[in-house]
C-alpha cells in the first residue's frame, strides 16, 4: 500500500509540527547552510528564555509560570523559603531557570549551557509567595 503522506518528520524544537516535504530547493538551502550543533541549539534556547525573563514585555510572573513543568523549592533547615528552580523544558533538552544563581541552565546529552538573567518578572517573589501559601 502506498502512502501519499509527504511529511518527513518534525522540526527541531517544534514537536508534532510537520517539517514538510523535501524538495530540491529545501535540499539546496540545507547544503548551503551550516547545520547548527546541539550545543548551539541549546545555547539559543537558553538565551531566549533568559532574555524573556530579563526583558519583561508586560508578562506577569503568574502568566510566565503557566509554562513551568516543575518547581524545586530550596529551603533552609527550618523549611523557610530560600529560592527555587523552575523546569521549563524536558524530554529532549532539559532546561531549568535557577532563581538562586540567576542563570538558565540547559542540559542536552553531554552539553551544558548557562545563560545569566535578571529577574524582571518577579519570579523569585512569586515562588516565595507560592511556597508560603502551600
C-alpha atoms as a PDB file:
ATOM      1  CA  UNK A   1       0.000   0.000   0.000  1.00  0.00           C
ATOM      2  CA  UNK A   2       1.461   3.336  -0.991  1.00  0.00           C
ATOM      3  CA  UNK A   3       1.052   6.407   1.186  1.00  0.00           C
ATOM      4  CA  UNK A   4       0.566   9.900  -0.187  1.00  0.00           C
ATOM      5  CA  UNK A   5       1.845  11.443   3.049  1.00  0.00           C
ATOM      6  CA  UNK A   6       4.791  13.708   2.217  1.00  0.00           C
ATOM      7  CA  UNK A   7       5.550  14.654   5.832  1.00  0.00           C
ATOM      8  CA  UNK A   8       9.081  13.563   6.650  1.00  0.00           C
ATOM      9  CA  UNK A   9       9.389  14.412  10.327  1.00  0.00           C
ATOM     10  CA  UNK A  10       9.108  17.251  12.780  1.00  0.00           C
ATOM     11  CA  UNK A  11      11.040  20.447  13.157  1.00  0.00           C
ATOM     12  CA  UNK A  12      13.595  20.507  15.959  1.00  0.00           C
ATOM     13  CA  UNK A  13      12.031  22.135  18.990  1.00  0.00           C
ATOM     14  CA  UNK A  14       8.543  22.076  17.437  1.00  0.00           C
ATOM     15  CA  UNK A  15       7.145  18.714  18.407  1.00  0.00           C
ATOM     16  CA  UNK A  16       4.401  17.381  16.169  1.00  0.00           C
ATOM     17  CA  UNK A  17       4.700  20.178  13.627  1.00  0.00           C
ATOM     18  CA  UNK A  18       5.437  18.811  10.182  1.00  0.00           C
ATOM     19  CA  UNK A  19       8.767  19.644   8.636  1.00  0.00           C
ATOM     20  CA  UNK A  20       7.205  19.415   5.196  1.00  0.00           C
ATOM     21  CA  UNK A  21       8.156  17.575   2.047  1.00  0.00           C
ATOM     22  CA  UNK A  22      11.715  17.509   0.856  1.00  0.00           C
ATOM     23  CA  UNK A  23      12.073  19.479  -2.336  1.00  0.00           C
ATOM     24  CA  UNK A  24      15.086  20.235  -4.470  1.00  0.00           C
ATOM     25  CA  UNK A  25      15.061  23.809  -3.171  1.00  0.00           C
ATOM     26  CA  UNK A  26      14.959  22.674   0.512  1.00  0.00           C
ATOM     27  CA  UNK A  27      17.842  20.302  -0.133  1.00  0.00           C
ATOM     28  CA  UNK A  28      19.923  23.022  -1.801  1.00  0.00           C
ATOM     29  CA  UNK A  29      19.374  25.504   1.042  1.00  0.00           C
ATOM     30  CA  UNK A  30      20.222  22.793   3.567  1.00  0.00           C
ATOM     31  CA  UNK A  31      23.514  22.209   1.790  1.00  0.00           C
ATOM     32  CA  UNK A  32      24.359  25.926   1.769  1.00  0.00           C
ATOM     33  CA  UNK A  33      23.622  26.476   5.469  1.00  0.00           C
ATOM     34  CA  UNK A  34      25.946  25.167   8.156  1.00  0.00           C
ATOM     35  CA  UNK A  35      23.935  22.901  10.422  1.00  0.00           C
ATOM     36  CA  UNK A  36      23.523  24.021  13.994  1.00  0.00           C
ATOM     37  CA  UNK A  37      25.079  21.770  16.648  1.00  0.00           C
ATOM     38  CA  UNK A  38      23.078  20.536  19.649  1.00  0.00           C
ATOM     39  CA  UNK A  39      25.083  22.857  21.895  1.00  0.00           C
ATOM     40  CA  UNK A  40      24.311  25.859  19.667  1.00  0.00           C
ATOM     41  CA  UNK A  41      20.598  24.987  19.662  1.00  0.00           C
ATOM     42  CA  UNK A  42      20.671  24.607  23.448  1.00  0.00           C
ATOM     43  CA  UNK A  43      22.511  27.926  23.866  1.00  0.00           C
ATOM     44  CA  UNK A  44      19.983  29.700  21.623  1.00  0.00           C
ATOM     45  CA  UNK A  45      17.087  28.176  23.589  1.00  0.00           C
ATOM     46  CA  UNK A  46      18.569  29.176  26.976  1.00  0.00           C
ATOM     47  CA  UNK A  47      19.398  32.683  25.767  1.00  0.00           C
ATOM     48  CA  UNK A  48      15.824  33.193  24.537  1.00  0.00           C
ATOM     49  CA  UNK A  49      14.441  32.119  27.940  1.00  0.00           C
ATOM     50  CA  UNK A  50      16.920  34.360  29.817  1.00  0.00           C
ATOM     51  CA  UNK A  51      16.025  37.291  27.551  1.00  0.00           C
ATOM     52  CA  UNK A  52      12.279  36.706  28.097  1.00  0.00           C
ATOM     53  CA  UNK A  53      12.804  36.973  31.876  1.00  0.00           C
ATOM     54  CA  UNK A  54      15.201  39.937  31.701  1.00  0.00           C
ATOM     55  CA  UNK A  55      13.301  41.949  29.064  1.00  0.00           C
ATOM     56  CA  UNK A  56       9.898  41.991  30.722  1.00  0.00           C
ATOM     57  CA  UNK A  57       7.388  42.696  27.942  1.00  0.00           C
ATOM     58  CA  UNK A  58       4.453  43.131  30.311  1.00  0.00           C
ATOM     59  CA  UNK A  59       4.050  39.431  31.074  1.00  0.00           C
ATOM     60  CA  UNK A  60       3.269  38.790  34.741  1.00  0.00           C
ATOM     61  CA  UNK A  61       5.088  36.181  36.816  1.00  0.00           C
ATOM     62  CA  UNK A  62       1.806  34.280  37.090  1.00  0.00           C
ATOM     63  CA  UNK A  63       1.391  34.161  33.298  1.00  0.00           C
ATOM     64  CA  UNK A  64       5.015  33.129  32.772  1.00  0.00           C
ATOM     65  CA  UNK A  65       4.703  30.349  35.370  1.00  0.00           C
ATOM     66  CA  UNK A  66       1.919  28.696  33.330  1.00  0.00           C
ATOM     67  CA  UNK A  67       4.644  27.187  31.103  1.00  0.00           C
ATOM     68  CA  UNK A  68       6.613  25.683  34.017  1.00  0.00           C
ATOM     69  CA  UNK A  69       6.645  21.874  34.222  1.00  0.00           C
ATOM     70  CA  UNK A  70       8.093  21.502  37.713  1.00  0.00           C
ATOM     71  CA  UNK A  71       9.287  23.557  40.683  1.00  0.00           C
ATOM     72  CA  UNK A  72      12.069  22.574  43.074  1.00  0.00           C
ATOM     73  CA  UNK A  73      11.986  24.692  46.207  1.00  0.00           C
ATOM     74  CA  UNK A  74      15.254  25.346  48.004  1.00  0.00           C
ATOM     75  CA  UNK A  75      14.627  25.777  51.726  1.00  0.00           C
ATOM     76  CA  UNK A  76      16.795  26.133  54.817  1.00  0.00           C
ATOM     77  CA  UNK A  77      16.850  23.576  57.618  1.00  0.00           C
ATOM     78  CA  UNK A  78      13.873  25.257  59.253  1.00  0.00           C
ATOM     79  CA  UNK A  79      11.941  24.872  55.977  1.00  0.00           C
ATOM     80  CA  UNK A  80      11.932  28.595  55.207  1.00  0.00           C
ATOM     81  CA  UNK A  81      11.969  29.534  51.550  1.00  0.00           C
ATOM     82  CA  UNK A  82      15.403  30.354  50.154  1.00  0.00           C
ATOM     83  CA  UNK A  83      14.988  30.035  46.372  1.00  0.00           C
ATOM     84  CA  UNK A  84      13.570  27.845  43.608  1.00  0.00           C
ATOM     85  CA  UNK A  85      14.447  26.102  40.352  1.00  0.00           C
ATOM     86  CA  UNK A  86      11.856  26.042  37.579  1.00  0.00           C
ATOM     87  CA  UNK A  87      11.828  23.309  34.922  1.00  0.00           C
ATOM     88  CA  UNK A  88      10.788  24.892  31.641  1.00  0.00           C
ATOM     89  CA  UNK A  89      11.818  22.163  29.165  1.00  0.00           C
ATOM     90  CA  UNK A  90      12.289  18.417  29.344  1.00  0.00           C
ATOM     91  CA  UNK A  91      12.165  15.264  27.286  1.00  0.00           C
ATOM     92  CA  UNK A  92      14.886  16.401  24.883  1.00  0.00           C
ATOM     93  CA  UNK A  93      16.907  19.242  26.189  1.00  0.00           C
ATOM     94  CA  UNK A  94      16.239  19.827  29.888  1.00  0.00           C
ATOM     95  CA  UNK A  95      16.179  23.461  30.936  1.00  0.00           C
ATOM     96  CA  UNK A  96      15.942  24.863  34.465  1.00  0.00           C
ATOM     97  CA  UNK A  97      15.569  28.506  35.487  1.00  0.00           C
ATOM     98  CA  UNK A  98      17.675  28.706  38.647  1.00  0.00           C
ATOM     99  CA  UNK A  99      16.456  31.601  40.807  1.00  0.00           C
ATOM    100  CA  UNK A 100      19.341  31.071  43.236  1.00  0.00           C
ATOM    101  CA  UNK A 101      22.166  31.550  40.710  1.00  0.00           C
ATOM    102  CA  UNK A 102      20.047  33.705  38.337  1.00  0.00           C
ATOM    103  CA  UNK A 103      21.005  31.508  35.399  1.00  0.00           C
ATOM    104  CA  UNK A 104      19.084  29.498  32.852  1.00  0.00           C
ATOM    105  CA  UNK A 105      20.741  26.072  32.876  1.00  0.00           C
ATOM    106  CA  UNK A 106      20.344  23.820  29.853  1.00  0.00           C
ATOM    107  CA  UNK A 107      21.381  20.187  29.531  1.00  0.00           C
ATOM    108  CA  UNK A 108      21.329  18.056  26.389  1.00  0.00           C
ATOM    109  CA  UNK A 109      23.297  14.853  26.236  1.00  0.00           C
ATOM    110  CA  UNK A 110      26.824  15.881  27.274  1.00  0.00           C
ATOM    111  CA  UNK A 111      26.286  19.596  26.657  1.00  0.00           C
ATOM    112  CA  UNK A 112      25.645  22.089  29.439  1.00  0.00           C
ATOM    113  CA  UNK A 113      24.840  25.762  28.877  1.00  0.00           C
ATOM    114  CA  UNK A 114      24.355  28.567  31.402  1.00  0.00           C
ATOM    115  CA  UNK A 115      22.868  31.953  30.498  1.00  0.00           C
ATOM    116  CA  UNK A 116      22.527  34.696  33.138  1.00  0.00           C
ATOM    117  CA  UNK A 117      19.327  36.704  33.553  1.00  0.00           C
ATOM    118  CA  UNK A 118      17.835  39.481  35.654  1.00  0.00           C
ATOM    119  CA  UNK A 119      14.552  38.565  37.349  1.00  0.00           C
ATOM    120  CA  UNK A 120      12.480  41.443  35.982  1.00  0.00           C
ATOM    121  CA  UNK A 121       9.307  39.332  36.177  1.00  0.00           C
ATOM    122  CA  UNK A 122       9.474  38.861  39.944  1.00  0.00           C
ATOM    123  CA  UNK A 123       9.643  35.069  39.654  1.00  0.00           C
ATOM    124  CA  UNK A 124      11.518  34.644  42.951  1.00  0.00           C
ATOM    125  CA  UNK A 125       8.939  36.702  44.870  1.00  0.00           C
ATOM    126  CA  UNK A 126       6.138  34.795  43.150  1.00  0.00           C
ATOM    127  CA  UNK A 127       7.675  31.418  44.099  1.00  0.00           C
ATOM    128  CA  UNK A 128       8.208  32.584  47.677  1.00  0.00           C
ATOM    129  CA  UNK A 129       4.518  33.519  47.875  1.00  0.00           C
ATOM    130  CA  UNK A 130       3.505  30.160  46.373  1.00  0.00           C
ATOM    131  CA  UNK A 131       5.681  28.286  48.868  1.00  0.00           C
ATOM    132  CA  UNK A 132       4.274  30.307  51.806  1.00  0.00           C
ATOM    133  CA  UNK A 133       0.699  29.502  50.767  1.00  0.00           C
ATOM    134  CA  UNK A 134       1.310  25.732  50.430  1.00  0.00           C
END
